């Protein structure tokens, strides 16, 4: 779907609320909305924020075409003056965001939208759709890549994705999360990322013999000859035929690089060990053994424990669909509005579920690193005018159990303000890096986590605390709410 056609990618109630604001004094009010999430996906202790580039393009192209307006008019819901307003619509607000590829944690504003209330309301649905989906897939990819322990991981889930957009943008997110490439050619074209692939069982089945199929494929792609060996009998036929093909290529003078076999069924640990021995005995010690077959981080981790001889992992369905956690769960909540004098007034949403009580006010997020190791100690959510001084003692405390405290001495920690300006008064002031550059940045970000934070089961959580000023503001608003 062309991003330029995303203006109606919204829930109906965004437009009906807009018209309600348009017909009342609320029209002139400016507000702050925070986009954040409440819990990490896939049993992780972190997430990777992703999708900002598409969010920027959406905001840049946000306008209502004649076709859009004609459709809205046909619904008989909207007044002529409101439709006239939409005809001239453009986003004039300010947006701060945590850059793509960053490690993030629950409750932190991934985006902070400051705008007239109608504009801030309209962009809610699309921003959530974009950020939720790609952050989900990038996080899943980061876990799978971690489980592979340095082996390359390739994404190839397009045929199982929930539609073309999910397959295309999901592949982009998977690469940002750490995959070395994707099978999705459109993703390769759009985002200049490596595309990779082998061949299907149908290729082998279409030839008189398996060896004939391998020879034909090797002739076409001698520099990327990965042969799928499990069409008939992996160890008794497939691997020996692949070895015969490799021998013939070598005898013909080909410099064998990036060659090997792919396993797509059976006991991958056993098959890979036997195939490795056969390849090594034949002199092809540098041949790749790649594996697929419904892999995820848990199966890859198990195969690693079993000393499987797999050096390249192809992950499809369970990555592109985030099989164990199908939704990221990001939300978009009002945090502040202006009074008659243009001053920010904090807003809070209360709930019988404590985790759904929002954080009031205009906020920033500080990341606090251990100076000696560069690892993350904690994050602190502060009010926007607060400044952390690395030369003073910093006391962090648990919001629910305030006696649990972390005291950081001056000079032992460093801080970074995570939110950066993206749009200022409607003008984009941020240049999105290329996808592979974001991938490199994400790998740097992941390196700031301790191993205990990245383990697959029961990971240690990173503290995300409130500043004293924000904590007191929240408690005051809870106690004085009417």
Protein backbone atom coordinates (compact mmCIF):
# COMPACT_ATOMS: atom_id res chain seq x y z
CA UNK A 1 0.00 0.00 0.00
CA UNK A 2 1.35 3.42 -0.95
CA UNK A 3 1.98 5.56 2.15
CA UNK A 4 0.55 8.51 0.25
CA UNK A 5 -2.83 6.76 0.38
CA UNK A 6 -2.86 6.25 4.16
CA UNK A 7 -4.94 9.29 5.14
CA UNK A 8 -8.04 7.15 5.71
CA UNK A 9 -6.02 4.51 7.54
CA UNK A 10 -7.80 5.43 10.73
CA UNK A 11 -10.65 4.36 12.96
CA UNK A 12 -13.94 6.10 12.32
CA UNK A 13 -14.09 7.49 15.83
CA UNK A 14 -10.95 9.55 15.23
CA UNK A 15 -12.86 11.47 12.55
CA UNK A 16 -16.09 11.75 14.51
CA UNK A 17 -14.15 13.05 17.53
CA UNK A 18 -12.39 15.51 15.24
CA UNK A 19 -15.70 16.87 14.05
CA UNK A 20 -16.86 17.12 17.66
CA UNK A 21 -13.75 19.12 18.54
CA UNK A 22 -14.20 21.23 15.40
CA UNK A 23 -17.68 22.30 16.50
CA UNK A 24 -16.64 23.26 20.06
CA UNK A 25 -14.07 25.51 21.77
CA UNK A 26 -11.87 22.40 22.09
CA UNK A 27 -10.70 23.13 18.54
CA UNK A 28 -8.08 25.61 19.74
CA UNK A 29 -6.67 23.39 22.47
CA UNK A 30 -3.17 21.93 22.16
CA UNK A 31 -2.47 18.56 23.71
CA UNK A 32 0.26 16.03 24.35
CA UNK A 33 -0.29 12.35 23.61
CA UNK A 34 2.19 9.62 24.55
CA UNK A 35 2.55 6.45 22.50
CA UNK A 36 3.85 3.67 24.75
CA UNK A 37 3.33 0.01 25.58
CA UNK A 38 2.63 -1.76 28.87
CA UNK A 39 4.37 -5.14 28.65
CA UNK A 40 7.19 -6.65 26.62
CA UNK A 41 6.29 -9.13 23.85
CA UNK A 42 7.50 -12.72 23.55
CA UNK A 43 8.46 -13.03 27.25
CA UNK A 44 11.33 -10.61 26.66
CA UNK A 45 12.62 -8.00 29.12
CA UNK A 46 12.90 -5.36 26.39
CA UNK A 47 11.60 -4.35 22.99
CA UNK A 48 13.12 -2.80 19.87
CA UNK A 49 11.25 0.26 18.69
CA UNK A 50 10.72 0.20 14.94
CA UNK A 51 8.65 1.82 12.19
CA UNK A 52 9.58 5.46 12.72
CA UNK A 53 10.56 5.96 9.06
CA UNK A 54 7.09 4.92 7.90
CA UNK A 55 5.48 7.02 10.62
CA UNK A 56 7.40 10.04 9.32
CA UNK A 57 6.33 9.37 5.74
CA UNK A 58 2.73 9.02 6.90
CA UNK A 59 2.81 12.41 8.65
CA UNK A 60 4.52 14.07 5.69
CA UNK A 61 1.89 12.80 3.24
CA UNK A 62 -1.15 13.24 5.47
CA UNK A 63 -3.81 14.99 3.40
CA UNK A 64 -7.30 14.24 2.16
CA UNK A 65 -7.74 13.78 -1.56
CA UNK A 66 -10.89 14.53 -3.52
CA UNK A 67 -11.60 10.80 -3.53
CA UNK A 68 -11.21 10.65 0.27
CA UNK A 69 -13.53 13.59 0.77
CA UNK A 70 -16.10 12.18 -1.64
CA UNK A 71 -16.15 8.93 0.32
CA UNK A 72 -16.51 10.70 3.66
CA UNK A 73 -19.28 12.86 2.23
CA UNK A 74 -21.14 9.74 1.10
CA UNK A 75 -21.34 8.49 4.69
CA UNK A 76 -23.69 11.34 5.64
CA UNK A 77 -21.89 11.69 8.97
CA UNK A 78 -19.84 14.83 8.48
CA UNK A 79 -20.82 18.46 8.08
CA UNK A 80 -19.80 20.46 5.00
CA UNK A 81 -17.68 22.89 7.02
CA UNK A 82 -15.75 20.03 8.65
CA UNK A 83 -15.11 18.44 5.26
CA UNK A 84 -13.87 21.82 4.02
CA UNK A 85 -11.46 21.83 6.95
CA UNK A 86 -10.22 18.35 6.02
CA UNK A 87 -9.65 19.50 2.44
CA UNK A 88 -7.02 21.94 3.75
CA UNK A 89 -5.62 19.64 6.42
CA UNK A 90 -1.92 19.33 7.13
CA UNK A 91 -0.08 18.33 10.30
CA UNK A 92 1.31 21.37 12.12
CA UNK A 93 2.40 19.79 15.39
CA UNK A 94 5.63 18.67 17.01
CA UNK A 95 6.69 15.06 17.50
CA UNK A 96 9.51 13.65 19.58
CA UNK A 97 10.48 9.99 19.27
CA UNK A 98 12.99 7.41 20.44
CA UNK A 99 15.01 6.53 17.31
CA UNK A 100 14.34 3.28 15.48
CA UNK A 101 16.42 0.34 16.60
CA UNK A 102 16.57 1.55 20.21
CA UNK A 103 16.12 -0.80 23.12
CA UNK A 104 12.99 0.33 24.98
CA UNK A 105 10.93 -0.71 27.97
CA UNK A 106 7.29 -0.56 29.11
CA UNK A 107 5.62 2.78 29.94
CA UNK A 108 8.25 4.88 28.18
CA UNK A 109 6.89 7.28 25.54
CA UNK A 110 8.17 5.94 22.22
CA UNK A 111 6.57 8.97 20.60
CA UNK A 112 5.38 12.22 22.15
CA UNK A 113 2.92 14.12 19.98
CA UNK A 114 2.31 17.82 20.74
CA UNK A 115 -0.33 19.33 18.45
CA UNK A 116 -3.76 20.91 18.15
CA UNK A 117 -6.18 18.37 19.54
CA UNK A 118 -7.78 17.48 16.21
CA UNK A 119 -4.43 16.75 14.58
CA UNK A 120 -3.13 14.74 17.53
CA UNK A 121 -6.33 12.71 17.58
CA UNK A 122 -6.31 11.92 13.87
CA UNK A 123 -2.81 10.40 13.77
CA UNK A 124 -3.42 7.97 16.65
CA UNK A 125 -4.55 4.89 14.74
CA UNK A 126 -1.97 4.95 11.96
CA UNK A 127 0.92 5.63 14.31
CA UNK A 128 -0.10 2.73 16.53
CA UNK A 129 -0.54 0.44 13.53
CA UNK A 130 2.92 1.27 12.17
CA UNK A 131 4.90 1.28 15.41
CA UNK A 132 3.12 -1.70 17.00
CA UNK A 133 3.66 -4.05 14.08
CA UNK A 134 7.28 -3.32 13.28
CA UNK A 135 8.34 -3.12 16.94
CA UNK A 136 6.80 -6.54 17.50
CA UNK A 137 8.69 -8.18 14.64
CA UNK A 138 11.99 -6.43 15.40
CA UNK A 139 11.81 -7.63 19.00
CA UNK A 140 11.06 -11.21 17.95
CA UNK A 141 13.95 -11.10 15.49
CA UNK A 142 16.35 -9.86 18.17
CA UNK A 143 15.47 -12.85 20.36
CA UNK A 144 15.90 -15.32 17.50
CA UNK A 145 19.25 -13.82 16.53
CA UNK A 146 20.37 -13.98 20.16
CA UNK A 147 19.46 -17.67 20.29
CA UNK A 148 21.56 -18.31 17.16
CA UNK A 149 24.67 -17.25 19.12
CA UNK A 150 26.37 -15.38 16.32
CA UNK A 151 25.24 -17.57 13.43
CA UNK A 152 23.55 -15.60 10.62
CA UNK A 153 19.75 -15.65 10.56
CA UNK A 154 17.70 -15.01 7.42
CA UNK A 155 14.04 -13.97 7.34
CA UNK A 156 11.84 -15.72 4.79
CA UNK A 157 8.27 -15.62 6.09
CA UNK A 158 6.56 -13.65 3.33
CA UNK A 159 4.21 -16.44 2.26
CA UNK A 160 2.99 -16.86 5.85
CA UNK A 161 2.68 -13.16 6.73
CA UNK A 162 -0.72 -11.61 7.34
CA UNK A 163 -0.80 -9.84 4.01
CA UNK A 164 1.62 -8.03 1.69
CA UNK A 165 2.26 -5.05 3.96
CA UNK A 166 2.92 -7.25 6.99
CA UNK A 167 5.32 -9.32 4.93
CA UNK A 168 7.16 -6.34 3.47
CA UNK A 169 7.43 -4.08 6.52
CA UNK A 170 7.80 -7.10 8.78
CA UNK A 171 10.86 -8.18 6.79
CA UNK A 172 12.30 -4.68 7.21
CA UNK A 173 11.75 -4.92 10.96
CA UNK A 174 13.30 -8.39 11.08
CA UNK A 175 16.46 -7.05 9.45
CA UNK A 176 16.58 -4.17 11.94
CA UNK A 177 16.20 -6.75 14.70
CA UNK A 178 19.33 -8.52 13.47
CA UNK A 179 18.56 -10.75 10.48
CA UNK A 180 21.23 -10.62 7.77
CA UNK A 181 18.67 -10.44 4.98
CA UNK A 182 15.28 -11.50 3.69
CA UNK A 183 13.79 -13.56 0.91
CA UNK A 184 11.33 -10.72 0.20
CA UNK A 185 12.45 -9.08 -3.03
CA UNK A 186 10.17 -6.07 -2.60
CA UNK A 187 11.68 -5.37 0.82
CA UNK A 188 15.11 -5.58 -0.78
CA UNK A 189 14.13 -3.03 -3.41
CA UNK A 190 12.35 -0.61 -1.07
CA UNK A 191 14.89 -0.60 1.75
CA UNK A 192 18.15 -1.66 0.11
CA UNK A 193 18.64 -4.73 2.30
CA UNK A 194 20.23 -8.04 1.23
CA UNK A 195 17.94 -10.61 -0.34
CA UNK A 196 18.80 -14.28 -0.17
CA UNK A 197 17.28 -17.65 -1.02
CA UNK A 198 17.80 -21.18 -2.27
CA UNK A 199 15.29 -23.27 -4.22
CA UNK A 200 12.12 -25.22 -3.49
CA UNK A 201 11.36 -28.93 -3.43
CA UNK A 202 9.43 -28.38 -6.66
CA UNK A 203 12.70 -27.52 -8.42
CA UNK A 204 14.11 -30.92 -7.54
CA UNK A 205 10.87 -32.73 -8.35
CA UNK A 206 10.67 -31.11 -11.81
CA UNK A 207 13.89 -32.85 -12.99
CA UNK A 208 14.34 -36.54 -13.88
CA UNK A 209 16.73 -36.97 -10.96
CA UNK A 210 17.79 -35.06 -7.88
CA UNK A 211 21.38 -34.86 -9.11
CA UNK A 212 20.20 -33.39 -12.41
CA UNK A 213 18.30 -30.73 -10.49
CA UNK A 214 21.37 -29.89 -8.39
CA UNK A 215 23.60 -29.69 -11.47
CA UNK A 216 21.19 -27.35 -13.24
CA UNK A 217 20.92 -25.08 -10.19
CA UNK A 218 24.68 -25.02 -9.68
CA UNK A 219 25.18 -24.06 -13.32
CA UNK A 220 22.81 -21.11 -12.95
CA UNK A 221 24.04 -19.90 -9.55
CA UNK A 222 27.57 -21.13 -8.96
CA UNK A 223 28.30 -18.31 -6.52
CA UNK A 224 25.33 -19.02 -4.26
CA UNK A 225 24.76 -22.74 -4.49
CA UNK A 226 22.74 -23.83 -1.46
CA UNK A 227 21.04 -27.13 -2.31
CA UNK A 228 17.86 -28.35 -0.63
CA UNK A 229 18.64 -31.98 0.17
CA UNK A 230 15.53 -33.43 1.82
CA UNK A 231 13.15 -33.90 -1.12
CA UNK A 232 13.53 -37.70 -1.16
CA UNK A 233 16.08 -39.10 1.32
CA UNK A 234 18.35 -36.62 3.05
CA UNK A 235 21.31 -38.71 4.16
CA UNK A 236 21.22 -41.58 1.68
CA UNK A 237 20.55 -39.51 -1.42
CA UNK A 238 20.33 -35.74 -0.91
CA UNK A 239 23.66 -35.07 0.79
CA UNK A 240 25.63 -37.53 -1.42
CA UNK A 241 24.14 -35.90 -4.53
CA UNK A 242 25.07 -32.46 -3.23
CA UNK A 243 28.63 -33.65 -2.59
CA UNK A 244 28.81 -35.05 -6.13
CA UNK A 245 27.61 -31.71 -7.47
CA UNK A 246 30.20 -29.81 -5.43
CA UNK A 247 32.96 -32.13 -6.69
CA UNK A 248 31.95 -31.49 -10.29
CA UNK A 249 31.89 -27.73 -9.69
CA UNK A 250 35.36 -27.84 -8.18
CA UNK A 251 36.69 -29.96 -11.06
CA UNK A 252 35.17 -27.46 -13.50
CA UNK A 253 37.25 -24.72 -11.90
CA UNK A 254 34.61 -22.95 -9.82
CA UNK A 255 35.84 -21.19 -6.70
CA UNK A 256 33.31 -22.55 -4.23
CA UNK A 257 32.02 -19.79 -1.97
CA UNK A 258 28.70 -19.41 -0.20
CA UNK A 259 27.81 -22.99 -1.07
CA UNK A 260 26.27 -25.76 0.99
CA UNK A 261 23.04 -27.55 1.80
CA UNK A 262 19.68 -26.76 3.38
CA UNK A 263 17.76 -29.05 5.73
CA UNK A 264 14.02 -28.45 5.94
CA UNK A 265 12.68 -31.51 7.76
CA UNK A 266 13.51 -34.33 10.10
CA UNK A 267 15.64 -34.30 13.24
CA UNK A 268 17.73 -31.25 12.48
CA UNK A 269 20.30 -31.97 15.19
CA UNK A 270 20.96 -35.52 14.01
CA UNK A 271 20.72 -34.70 10.31
CA UNK A 272 23.11 -31.75 10.57
CA UNK A 273 25.71 -33.78 12.50
CA UNK A 274 25.62 -36.59 9.95
CA UNK A 275 25.67 -34.17 7.01
CA UNK A 276 28.60 -32.28 8.51
CA UNK A 277 30.63 -35.48 8.80
CA UNK A 278 29.81 -36.45 5.24
CA UNK A 279 30.75 -33.03 3.88
CA UNK A 280 33.95 -32.88 5.91
CA UNK A 281 34.99 -36.38 4.87
CA UNK A 282 34.53 -35.32 1.25
CA UNK A 283 36.76 -32.31 1.77
CA UNK A 284 34.04 -29.65 1.86
CA UNK A 285 34.74 -28.42 5.37
CA UNK A 286 33.60 -24.87 4.58
CA UNK A 287 30.24 -25.91 3.15
CA UNK A 288 27.30 -24.19 4.84
CA UNK A 289 24.61 -26.23 6.53
CA UNK A 290 21.47 -24.14 6.69
CA UNK A 291 18.22 -25.15 8.35
CA UNK A 292 14.61 -24.10 8.26
CA UNK A 293 11.39 -25.92 9.32
CA UNK A 294 9.28 -23.80 11.72
CA UNK A 295 12.18 -22.45 13.73
CA UNK A 296 11.95 -19.96 16.56
CA UNK A 297 14.27 -18.85 19.36
CA UNK A 298 13.40 -21.80 21.58
CA UNK A 299 13.98 -24.48 18.96
CA UNK A 300 17.21 -22.81 17.82
CA UNK A 301 18.38 -22.65 21.44
CA UNK A 302 17.56 -26.34 21.89
CA UNK A 303 19.42 -27.29 18.73
CA UNK A 304 22.41 -25.28 19.94
CA UNK A 305 22.40 -27.23 23.19
CA UNK A 306 22.36 -30.43 21.16
CA UNK A 307 25.48 -29.25 19.28
CA UNK A 308 23.67 -29.22 15.94
CA UNK A 309 26.06 -28.48 13.07
CA UNK A 310 23.97 -25.68 11.58
CA UNK A 311 25.68 -22.47 10.48
CA UNK A 312 22.81 -20.56 8.84
CA UNK A 313 19.25 -20.33 10.11
CA UNK A 314 16.24 -19.57 7.93
CA UNK A 315 13.27 -18.44 10.00
CA UNK A 316 9.85 -17.86 8.50
CA UNK A 317 6.39 -18.24 10.01
CA UNK A 318 7.19 -17.86 13.69
CA UNK A 319 9.22 -14.73 13.06
CA UNK A 320 7.08 -12.83 10.57
CA UNK A 321 3.90 -13.53 12.58
CA UNK A 322 5.53 -13.31 16.03
CA UNK A 323 3.83 -16.62 16.61
CA UNK A 324 3.81 -16.59 20.43
CA UNK A 325 2.75 -12.94 20.81
CA UNK A 326 0.62 -11.71 17.90
CA UNK A 327 0.27 -8.08 19.03
CA UNK A 328 2.60 -5.50 20.56
CA UNK A 329 -0.05 -3.74 22.62
CA UNK A 330 1.05 -0.14 22.21
CA UNK A 331 -1.41 2.54 23.31
CA UNK A 332 -1.80 6.28 22.76
CA UNK A 333 -2.93 8.32 25.75
CA UNK A 334 -3.57 11.97 26.52
CA UNK A 335 -0.95 13.30 28.95
CA UNK A 336 -1.43 17.09 28.97
CA UNK A 337 -3.47 19.93 27.51
CA UNK A 338 -3.17 23.69 27.44
CA UNK A 339 -5.22 26.02 29.60
CA UNK A 340 -6.57 29.39 28.49
CA UNK A 341 -3.10 30.91 29.00
CA UNK A 342 -1.35 28.29 26.92
CA UNK A 343 0.18 26.56 29.94
CA UNK A 344 0.45 22.78 30.06
CA UNK A 345 -2.01 21.12 32.44
CA UNK A 346 -1.21 17.45 33.20
CA UNK A 347 -3.90 14.85 32.57
CA UNK A 348 -4.22 11.37 34.00
CA UNK A 349 -6.36 8.34 33.18
CA UNK A 350 -7.36 6.29 36.21
CA UNK A 351 -8.36 2.65 36.17
CA UNK A 352 -9.30 -0.23 38.44
CA UNK A 353 -6.29 -1.92 36.84
CA UNK A 354 -3.24 -0.14 38.33
CA UNK A 355 -1.11 -0.89 35.26
CA UNK A 356 -3.56 1.14 33.16
CA UNK A 357 -3.16 4.33 35.17
CA UNK A 358 -1.28 6.70 32.87
CA UNK A 359 1.66 8.98 33.62
CA UNK A 360 0.62 12.65 33.57
CA UNK A 361 2.37 15.64 32.08
CA UNK A 362 4.90 16.41 29.37
CA UNK A 363 7.72 13.92 29.85
CA UNK A 364 11.18 12.85 28.74
CA UNK A 365 13.07 9.59 29.18
CA UNK A 366 16.62 9.37 30.46
CA UNK A 367 18.70 6.24 29.96
CA UNK A 368 21.24 5.69 32.72
CA UNK A 369 24.37 3.68 31.93
CA UNK A 370 27.04 2.19 34.14
CA UNK A 371 30.07 4.31 33.24
CA UNK A 372 32.57 1.47 33.64
CA UNK A 373 30.79 -1.07 31.39
CA UNK A 374 28.46 0.98 29.18
CA UNK A 375 25.60 -1.30 30.21
CA UNK A 376 22.12 -0.03 31.08
CA UNK A 377 21.51 0.46 34.80
CA UNK A 378 17.98 1.83 34.54
CA UNK A 379 15.71 4.26 32.74
CA UNK A 380 14.03 7.18 34.42
CA UNK A 381 10.89 8.89 33.14
CA UNK A 382 10.98 12.57 34.11
CA UNK A 383 9.03 15.74 33.53
CA UNK A 384 10.23 17.56 30.43
CA UNK A 385 11.96 20.38 32.32
CA UNK A 386 14.02 18.07 34.56
CA UNK A 387 17.75 17.69 33.95
CA UNK A 388 19.87 14.87 35.35
CA UNK A 389 23.35 15.93 36.44
CA UNK A 390 25.93 13.14 36.19
CA UNK A 391 28.04 14.94 38.80
CA UNK A 392 25.48 14.50 41.57
CA UNK A 393 24.24 11.41 43.39
CA UNK A 394 21.23 9.87 41.69
CA UNK A 395 18.64 7.98 43.70
CA UNK A 396 16.27 5.70 41.81
CA UNK A 397 13.33 4.04 43.52
CA UNK A 398 10.65 1.51 42.70
CA UNK A 399 7.27 3.18 42.24
CA UNK A 400 5.34 0.35 43.89
CA UNK A 401 7.87 -0.40 46.63
CA UNK A 402 9.56 2.92 47.27
CA UNK A 403 11.97 1.46 49.83
CA UNK A 404 13.67 -0.41 47.00
CA UNK A 405 16.29 2.10 45.93
CA UNK A 406 19.40 2.32 43.76
CA UNK A 407 22.01 4.91 44.73
CA UNK A 408 24.42 5.93 41.97
CA UNK A 409 27.45 7.94 43.04
CA UNK A 410 28.66 10.95 41.04
CA UNK A 411 30.94 10.01 38.17
CA UNK A 412 29.83 6.35 38.11
CA UNK A 413 27.05 6.76 35.55
CA UNK A 414 26.20 8.54 32.33
CA UNK A 415 22.79 9.62 31.03
CA UNK A 416 21.19 10.06 27.61
CA UNK A 417 17.93 11.79 26.73
CA UNK A 418 16.20 9.24 24.49
CA UNK A 419 13.52 11.39 22.85
CA UNK A 420 14.70 13.43 19.87
CA UNK A 421 12.75 15.96 17.76
CA UNK A 422 11.22 14.53 14.59
CA UNK A 423 8.73 17.25 13.57
CA UNK A 424 8.77 20.83 14.84
CA UNK A 425 5.70 22.91 14.04
CA UNK A 426 4.83 20.61 11.15
CA UNK A 427 8.31 20.57 9.59
CA UNK A 428 10.33 17.36 9.58
CA UNK A 429 13.73 18.01 11.20
CA UNK A 430 14.92 14.38 11.29
CA UNK A 431 16.60 12.31 8.58
CA UNK A 432 15.90 8.60 8.89
CA UNK A 433 19.01 6.43 8.55
CA UNK A 434 19.05 3.62 6.01
CA UNK A 435 17.66 0.31 7.15
CA UNK A 436 21.05 -1.40 7.41
CA UNK A 437 22.36 1.57 9.41
CA UNK A 438 19.43 1.19 11.79
CA UNK A 439 20.31 -2.51 12.04
CA UNK A 440 23.86 -1.63 13.07
CA UNK A 441 22.54 0.85 15.62
CA UNK A 442 20.16 -1.79 17.02
CA UNK A 443 23.08 -4.18 17.50
CA UNK A 444 24.92 -1.47 19.45
CA UNK A 445 21.80 -0.89 21.54
CA UNK A 446 21.41 -4.59 22.29
CA UNK A 447 25.04 -4.74 23.41
CA UNK A 448 24.15 -2.33 26.25
CA UNK A 449 21.91 -4.98 27.81
CA UNK A 450 23.37 -7.41 30.32
CA UNK A 451 23.19 -11.08 29.35
CA UNK A 452 20.70 -11.57 32.19
CA UNK A 453 18.33 -9.19 30.38
CA UNK A 454 18.53 -11.14 27.11
CA UNK A 455 18.09 -14.72 28.25
CA UNK A 456 15.07 -16.39 26.72
CA UNK A 457 13.42 -17.62 29.92
CA UNK A 458 12.71 -15.48 32.98
CA UNK A 459 15.00 -12.62 31.99
CA UNK A 460 16.00 -10.02 34.54
CA UNK A 461 14.04 -6.80 34.03
CA UNK A 462 15.54 -3.35 33.61
CA UNK A 463 14.20 -0.85 36.16
CA UNK A 464 12.08 1.91 34.65
CA UNK A 465 11.52 4.40 37.45
CA UNK A 466 9.82 7.74 37.79
CA UNK A 467 11.59 10.87 38.90
CA UNK A 468 10.52 12.10 42.31
CA UNK A 469 8.72 15.06 40.71
CA UNK A 470 6.76 12.84 38.32
CA UNK A 471 5.99 10.32 41.07
CA UNK A 472 4.64 13.06 43.35
CA UNK A 473 2.59 14.59 40.54
CA UNK A 474 1.01 11.23 39.75
CA UNK A 475 0.19 10.50 43.38
CA UNK A 476 -1.27 13.96 43.89
CA UNK A 477 -3.50 13.63 40.84
CA UNK A 478 -4.69 10.19 41.94
CA UNK A 479 -5.54 11.46 45.42
CA UNK A 480 -7.25 14.68 44.30
CA UNK A 481 -9.17 13.34 41.31
CA UNK A 482 -12.91 14.06 41.34
